[in-house]
Amino acid sequence: MFEFAMMLAQEAAEFGKMGVGIGIGLVILGAGWGIGRIGGGAVEAIARQPEASGTISTQMLISAALIEGVTVIALILMYLL
């Protein structure tokens, strides 16, 4: 009975590692999707109003940096847990 419990504990640890891998993949996927949406929206906005390109580009870069910051924090937390 004890051996069976030890086997289950080892499998749980392996599934935990797999869960971290899946979580990292989802975080990267979400960040890429979000930054892609921001970039696409910025390009469309600049095409509509070329005179506002400086403001739009600045806002796009700030938004992308915030998404990257959240992504890095999520990755660090996943590695620590």
N, C-alpha and C. Protein backbone atom coordinates (compact mmCIF):
# COMPACT_ATOMS: atom_id res chain seq x y z
N MET A 1 0.82 -1.19 0.00
CA MET A 1 0.00 0.00 0.00
C MET A 1 0.87 1.26 0.00
N PHE A 2 1.95 1.23 0.78
CA PHE A 2 2.85 2.37 0.85
C PHE A 2 3.53 2.62 -0.49
N GLU A 3 3.88 1.53 -1.19
CA GLU A 3 4.53 1.68 -2.49
C GLU A 3 3.59 2.34 -3.49
N PHE A 4 2.32 1.97 -3.42
CA PHE A 4 1.33 2.57 -4.31
C PHE A 4 1.20 4.07 -4.04
N ALA A 5 1.21 4.46 -2.78
CA ALA A 5 1.12 5.88 -2.42
C ALA A 5 2.35 6.64 -2.92
N MET A 6 3.51 6.04 -2.82
CA MET A 6 4.74 6.68 -3.32
C MET A 6 4.69 6.84 -4.83
N MET A 7 4.16 5.83 -5.52
CA MET A 7 4.04 5.90 -6.98
C MET A 7 3.09 7.04 -7.37
N LEU A 8 1.99 7.16 -6.66
CA LEU A 8 1.05 8.24 -6.95
C LEU A 8 1.67 9.61 -6.68
N ALA A 9 2.48 9.72 -5.65
CA ALA A 9 3.15 10.99 -5.33
C ALA A 9 4.13 11.37 -6.44
N GLN A 10 4.86 10.39 -6.97
CA GLN A 10 5.80 10.67 -8.06
C GLN A 10 5.05 11.11 -9.31
N GLU A 11 3.94 10.44 -9.61
CA GLU A 11 3.16 10.82 -10.78
C GLU A 11 2.58 12.22 -10.62
N ALA A 12 2.16 12.56 -9.42
CA ALA A 12 1.62 13.90 -9.18
C ALA A 12 2.69 14.96 -9.42
N ALA A 13 3.92 14.70 -9.02
CA ALA A 13 5.00 15.64 -9.26
C ALA A 13 5.26 15.80 -10.75
N GLU A 14 5.19 14.70 -11.49
CA GLU A 14 5.41 14.77 -12.94
C GLU A 14 4.28 15.54 -13.61
N PHE A 15 3.04 15.33 -13.16
CA PHE A 15 1.93 16.08 -13.72
C PHE A 15 2.04 17.56 -13.38
N GLY A 16 2.59 17.87 -12.23
CA GLY A 16 2.82 19.27 -11.87
C GLY A 16 3.78 19.94 -12.83
N LYS A 17 4.84 19.23 -13.19
CA LYS A 17 5.80 19.78 -14.16
C LYS A 17 5.14 19.97 -15.52
N MET A 18 4.29 19.03 -15.89
CA MET A 18 3.59 19.16 -17.16
C MET A 18 2.63 20.35 -17.12
N GLY A 19 2.00 20.57 -15.97
CA GLY A 19 1.11 21.71 -15.82
C GLY A 19 1.84 23.03 -15.94
N VAL A 20 3.05 23.10 -15.41
CA VAL A 20 3.86 24.31 -15.55
C VAL A 20 4.17 24.56 -17.02
N GLY A 21 4.51 23.51 -17.75
CA GLY A 21 4.80 23.66 -19.17
C GLY A 21 3.59 24.15 -19.95
N ILE A 22 2.43 23.60 -19.65
CA ILE A 22 1.21 24.04 -20.32
C ILE A 22 0.90 25.49 -19.95
N GLY A 23 1.10 25.84 -18.68
CA GLY A 23 0.85 27.21 -18.24
C GLY A 23 1.77 28.21 -18.93
N ILE A 24 3.03 27.85 -19.06
CA ILE A 24 3.98 28.74 -19.75
C ILE A 24 3.56 28.93 -21.20
N GLY A 25 3.17 27.85 -21.84
CA GLY A 25 2.71 27.95 -23.22
C GLY A 25 1.50 28.86 -23.36
N LEU A 26 0.55 28.75 -22.44
CA LEU A 26 -0.64 29.60 -22.50
C LEU A 26 -0.30 31.06 -22.25
N VAL A 27 0.63 31.32 -21.34
CA VAL A 27 1.03 32.70 -21.07
C VAL A 27 1.68 33.31 -22.31
N ILE A 28 2.58 32.58 -22.93
CA ILE A 28 3.26 33.09 -24.13
C ILE A 28 2.26 33.28 -25.27
N LEU A 29 1.35 32.34 -25.42
CA LEU A 29 0.33 32.44 -26.46
C LEU A 29 -0.54 33.67 -26.24
N GLY A 30 -0.98 33.89 -25.01
CA GLY A 30 -1.81 35.05 -24.72
C GLY A 30 -1.08 36.36 -24.92
N ALA A 31 0.17 36.41 -24.52
CA ALA A 31 0.95 37.64 -24.71
C ALA A 31 1.16 37.93 -26.19
N GLY A 32 1.49 36.90 -26.94
CA GLY A 32 1.67 37.09 -28.38
C GLY A 32 0.40 37.56 -29.07
N TRP A 33 -0.72 36.97 -28.67
CA TRP A 33 -2.00 37.35 -29.24
C TRP A 33 -2.33 38.81 -28.89
N GLY A 34 -2.11 39.18 -27.64
CA GLY A 34 -2.40 40.54 -27.20
C GLY A 34 -1.54 41.58 -27.89
N ILE A 35 -0.26 41.31 -28.00
CA ILE A 35 0.64 42.26 -28.66
C ILE A 35 0.33 42.33 -30.15
N GLY A 36 -0.05 41.21 -30.74
CA GLY A 36 -0.45 41.22 -32.16
C GLY A 36 -1.68 42.07 -32.39
N ARG A 37 -2.64 41.96 -31.48
CA ARG A 37 -3.86 42.77 -31.59
C ARG A 37 -3.53 44.26 -31.43
N ILE A 38 -2.65 44.57 -30.51
CA ILE A 38 -2.26 45.97 -30.31
C ILE A 38 -1.57 46.51 -31.56
N GLY A 39 -0.64 45.73 -32.10
CA GLY A 39 0.08 46.16 -33.30
C GLY A 39 -0.85 46.35 -34.49
N GLY A 40 -1.76 45.40 -34.68
CA GLY A 40 -2.72 45.50 -35.78
C GLY A 40 -3.62 46.72 -35.64
N GLY A 41 -4.09 46.95 -34.43
CA GLY A 41 -4.94 48.12 -34.19
C GLY A 41 -4.18 49.42 -34.41
N ALA A 42 -2.92 49.44 -34.01
CA ALA A 42 -2.12 50.65 -34.19
C ALA A 42 -1.87 50.92 -35.68
N VAL A 43 -1.60 49.89 -36.44
CA VAL A 43 -1.38 50.08 -37.88
C VAL A 43 -2.65 50.60 -38.55
N GLU A 44 -3.80 50.04 -38.17
CA GLU A 44 -5.06 50.52 -38.73
C GLU A 44 -5.32 51.98 -38.35
N ALA A 45 -5.04 52.32 -37.09
CA ALA A 45 -5.26 53.69 -36.64
C ALA A 45 -4.33 54.67 -37.35
N ILE A 46 -3.09 54.28 -37.54
CA ILE A 46 -2.14 55.15 -38.24
C ILE A 46 -2.54 55.30 -39.71
N ALA A 47 -3.09 54.24 -40.30
CA ALA A 47 -3.53 54.33 -41.69
C ALA A 47 -4.71 55.30 -41.82
N ARG A 48 -5.58 55.35 -40.80
CA ARG A 48 -6.72 56.26 -40.82
C ARG A 48 -6.31 57.70 -40.53
N GLN A 49 -5.40 57.87 -39.56
CA GLN A 49 -4.97 59.22 -39.16
C GLN A 49 -3.45 59.28 -39.09
N PRO A 50 -2.81 59.48 -40.23
CA PRO A 50 -1.34 59.51 -40.24
C PRO A 50 -0.74 60.62 -39.38
N GLU A 51 -1.48 61.71 -39.18
CA GLU A 51 -0.93 62.82 -38.39
C GLU A 51 -0.83 62.49 -36.91
N ALA A 52 -1.53 61.46 -36.46
CA ALA A 52 -1.49 61.06 -35.04
C ALA A 52 -0.58 59.86 -34.81
N SER A 53 0.32 59.61 -35.74
CA SER A 53 1.14 58.39 -35.65
C SER A 53 2.06 58.39 -34.43
N GLY A 54 2.56 59.54 -34.04
CA GLY A 54 3.45 59.59 -32.87
C GLY A 54 2.73 59.19 -31.59
N THR A 55 1.55 59.73 -31.39
CA THR A 55 0.76 59.41 -30.19
C THR A 55 0.34 57.94 -30.20
N ILE A 56 -0.10 57.47 -31.35
CA ILE A 56 -0.56 56.08 -31.45
C ILE A 56 0.60 55.12 -31.20
N SER A 57 1.75 55.42 -31.77
CA SER A 57 2.92 54.55 -31.57
C SER A 57 3.34 54.51 -30.10
N THR A 58 3.31 55.67 -29.45
CA THR A 58 3.67 55.72 -28.03
C THR A 58 2.72 54.89 -27.18
N GLN A 59 1.43 55.04 -27.42
CA GLN A 59 0.45 54.27 -26.67
C GLN A 59 0.58 52.78 -26.94
N MET A 60 0.90 52.43 -28.19
CA MET A 60 1.08 51.02 -28.55
C MET A 60 2.27 50.43 -27.80
N LEU A 61 3.37 51.16 -27.75
CA LEU A 61 4.56 50.66 -27.07
C LEU A 61 4.35 50.53 -25.56
N ILE A 62 3.63 51.47 -24.97
CA ILE A 62 3.34 51.39 -23.53
C ILE A 62 2.46 50.17 -23.24
N SER A 63 1.44 49.97 -24.06
CA SER A 63 0.56 48.82 -23.87
C SER A 63 1.31 47.51 -24.04
N ALA A 64 2.16 47.43 -25.05
CA ALA A 64 2.94 46.21 -25.28
C ALA A 64 3.90 45.95 -24.12
N ALA A 65 4.49 47.01 -23.58
CA ALA A 65 5.40 46.84 -22.44
C ALA A 65 4.65 46.34 -21.21
N LEU A 66 3.44 46.84 -20.99
CA LEU A 66 2.64 46.36 -19.85
C LEU A 66 2.29 44.88 -20.01
N ILE A 67 1.95 44.47 -21.22
CA ILE A 67 1.64 43.06 -21.45
C ILE A 67 2.89 42.21 -21.22
N GLU A 68 4.03 42.67 -21.70
CA GLU A 68 5.27 41.92 -21.48
C GLU A 68 5.61 41.83 -20.00
N GLY A 69 5.36 42.91 -19.26
CA GLY A 69 5.62 42.89 -17.82
C GLY A 69 4.78 41.85 -17.11
N VAL A 70 3.51 41.80 -17.43
CA VAL A 70 2.62 40.80 -16.83
C VAL A 70 3.06 39.39 -17.23
N THR A 71 3.50 39.23 -18.46
CA THR A 71 3.97 37.93 -18.94
C THR A 71 5.20 37.48 -18.17
N VAL A 72 6.14 38.37 -17.97
CA VAL A 72 7.36 38.02 -17.24
C VAL A 72 7.03 37.65 -15.79
N ILE A 73 6.15 38.41 -15.17
CA ILE A 73 5.76 38.10 -13.79
C ILE A 73 5.09 36.74 -13.72
N ALA A 74 4.21 36.44 -14.67
CA ALA A 74 3.54 35.14 -14.68
C ALA A 74 4.54 34.01 -14.87
N LEU A 75 5.51 34.19 -15.74
CA LEU A 75 6.52 33.15 -15.96
C LEU A 75 7.37 32.93 -14.71
N ILE A 76 7.74 34.01 -14.05
CA ILE A 76 8.53 33.88 -12.81
C ILE A 76 7.73 33.14 -11.74
N LEU A 77 6.47 33.49 -11.60
CA LEU A 77 5.64 32.81 -10.60
C LEU A 77 5.48 31.33 -10.92
N MET A 78 5.36 30.99 -12.21
CA MET A 78 5.23 29.57 -12.57
C MET A 78 6.49 28.80 -12.25
N TYR A 79 7.64 29.41 -12.49
CA TYR A 79 8.89 28.72 -12.16
C TYR A 79 9.06 28.55 -10.66
N LEU A 80 8.60 29.53 -9.88
CA LEU A 80 8.74 29.44 -8.43
C LEU A 80 7.78 28.43 -7.81
N LEU A 81 6.61 28.27 -8.41
CA LEU A 81 5.64 27.33 -7.86
C LEU A 81 5.93 25.98 -8.45
